Amino acid sequence: MHAPAPIRRLVEKALHIRRLTPEIENEINYELTRLGYISDVDYEALELLMSEMDAGRIKLVPNL
């Protein structure tokens, strides 16, 4: 069985809570480094996240 795209899963989490937390951002960066490439599914998910942030529907939460 094929595991779901890890970055897509993280983007779904950010979309669900309507925030990009430092933890989610760090996990996305870790997965990009670990995998060494980005799948089409993950790329599309990141594009969606960026467009939602540009539209103001997703907030970037700073470190506390």
C-alpha atoms as a PDB file:
ATOM      1  CA  MET A   1       0.000   0.000   0.000  1.00  0.00           C
ATOM      2  CA  HIS A   2       1.295   3.452  -0.941  1.00  0.00           C
ATOM      3  CA  ALA A   3       1.625   5.957   1.925  1.00  0.00           C
ATOM      4  CA  PRO A   4       0.024   9.365   1.398  1.00  0.00           C
ATOM      5  CA  ALA A   5       2.286  12.223   0.361  1.00  0.00           C
ATOM      6  CA  PRO A   6       3.781  13.542   3.632  1.00  0.00           C
ATOM      7  CA  ILE A   7       3.870  17.180   2.576  1.00  0.00           C
ATOM      8  CA  ARG A   8       0.274  17.033   1.371  1.00  0.00           C
ATOM      9  CA  ARG A   9      -0.739  15.661   4.778  1.00  0.00           C
ATOM     10  CA  LEU A  10       1.002  18.598   6.498  1.00  0.00           C
ATOM     11  CA  VAL A  11      -0.596  21.115   4.132  1.00  0.00           C
ATOM     12  CA  GLU A  12      -4.018  19.579   4.852  1.00  0.00           C
ATOM     13  CA  LYS A  13      -3.321  20.075   8.565  1.00  0.00           C
ATOM     14  CA  ALA A  14      -2.437  23.755   8.003  1.00  0.00           C
ATOM     15  CA  LEU A  15      -5.539  24.282   5.856  1.00  0.00           C
ATOM     16  CA  HIS A  16      -7.721  22.629   8.489  1.00  0.00           C
ATOM     17  CA  ILE A  17      -6.514  24.874  11.315  1.00  0.00           C
ATOM     18  CA  ARG A  18      -6.125  27.880   8.970  1.00  0.00           C
ATOM     19  CA  ARG A  19      -2.626  28.524  10.269  1.00  0.00           C
ATOM     20  CA  LEU A  20       0.904  27.688   9.186  1.00  0.00           C
ATOM     21  CA  THR A  21       2.635  27.107  12.488  1.00  0.00           C
ATOM     22  CA  PRO A  22       6.408  26.953  12.888  1.00  0.00           C
ATOM     23  CA  GLU A  23       6.058  23.246  13.685  1.00  0.00           C
ATOM     24  CA  ILE A  24       4.202  22.510  10.436  1.00  0.00           C
ATOM     25  CA  GLU A  25       6.650  24.631   8.459  1.00  0.00           C
ATOM     26  CA  ASN A  26       9.604  22.803  10.040  1.00  0.00           C
ATOM     27  CA  GLU A  27       8.035  19.420   9.283  1.00  0.00           C
ATOM     28  CA  ILE A  28       7.489  20.430   5.645  1.00  0.00           C
ATOM     29  CA  ASN A  29      11.121  21.547   5.371  1.00  0.00           C
ATOM     30  CA  TYR A  30      12.280  18.309   7.020  1.00  0.00           C
ATOM     31  CA  GLU A  31      10.280  16.206   4.549  1.00  0.00           C
ATOM     32  CA  LEU A  32      11.649  18.170   1.587  1.00  0.00           C
ATOM     33  CA  THR A  33      15.189  17.577   2.832  1.00  0.00           C
ATOM     34  CA  ARG A  34      14.570  13.926   3.702  1.00  0.00           C
ATOM     35  CA  LEU A  35      12.937  13.066   0.393  1.00  0.00           C
ATOM     36  CA  GLY A  36      15.295  15.108  -1.765  1.00  0.00           C
ATOM     37  CA  TYR A  37      12.525  15.719  -4.279  1.00  0.00           C
ATOM     38  CA  ILE A  38       8.914  16.825  -4.379  1.00  0.00           C
ATOM     39  CA  SER A  39       6.136  14.768  -5.895  1.00  0.00           C
ATOM     40  CA  ASP A  40       3.497  16.327  -8.121  1.00  0.00           C
ATOM     41  CA  VAL A  41       0.901  15.839  -5.373  1.00  0.00           C
ATOM     42  CA  ASP A  42       3.079  17.557  -2.772  1.00  0.00           C
ATOM     43  CA  TYR A  43       3.932  20.368  -5.192  1.00  0.00           C
ATOM     44  CA  GLU A  44       0.263  21.029  -5.893  1.00  0.00           C
ATOM     45  CA  ALA A  45      -0.463  21.009  -2.162  1.00  0.00           C
ATOM     46  CA  LEU A  46       2.267  23.592  -1.532  1.00  0.00           C
ATOM     47  CA  GLU A  47       0.940  25.748  -4.371  1.00  0.00           C
ATOM     48  CA  LEU A  48      -2.506  25.640  -2.776  1.00  0.00           C
ATOM     49  CA  LEU A  49      -1.081  26.556   0.634  1.00  0.00           C
ATOM     50  CA  MET A  50       0.802  29.531  -0.832  1.00  0.00           C
ATOM     51  CA  SER A  51      -2.251  30.783  -2.736  1.00  0.00           C
ATOM     52  CA  GLU A  52      -4.383  30.500   0.407  1.00  0.00           C
ATOM     53  CA  MET A  53      -1.764  32.454   2.349  1.00  0.00           C
ATOM     54  CA  ASP A  54      -1.592  35.106  -0.382  1.00  0.00           C
ATOM     55  CA  ALA A  55      -5.384  35.435  -0.225  1.00  0.00           C
ATOM     56  CA  GLY A  56      -5.227  35.888   3.562  1.00  0.00           C
ATOM     57  CA  ARG A  57      -7.172  32.719   4.369  1.00  0.00           C
ATOM     58  CA  ILE A  58      -4.182  31.071   6.048  1.00  0.00           C
ATOM     59  CA  LYS A  59      -2.188  32.944   8.689  1.00  0.00           C
ATOM     60  CA  LEU A  60       1.527  32.494   9.290  1.00  0.00           C
ATOM     61  CA  VAL A  61       1.968  32.095  13.041  1.00  0.00           C
ATOM     62  CA  PRO A  62       5.331  33.372  14.352  1.00  0.00           C
ATOM     63  CA  ASN A  63       7.410  31.622  16.999  1.00  0.00           C
ATOM     64  CA  LEU A  64       6.444  32.645  20.486  1.00  0.00           C
END
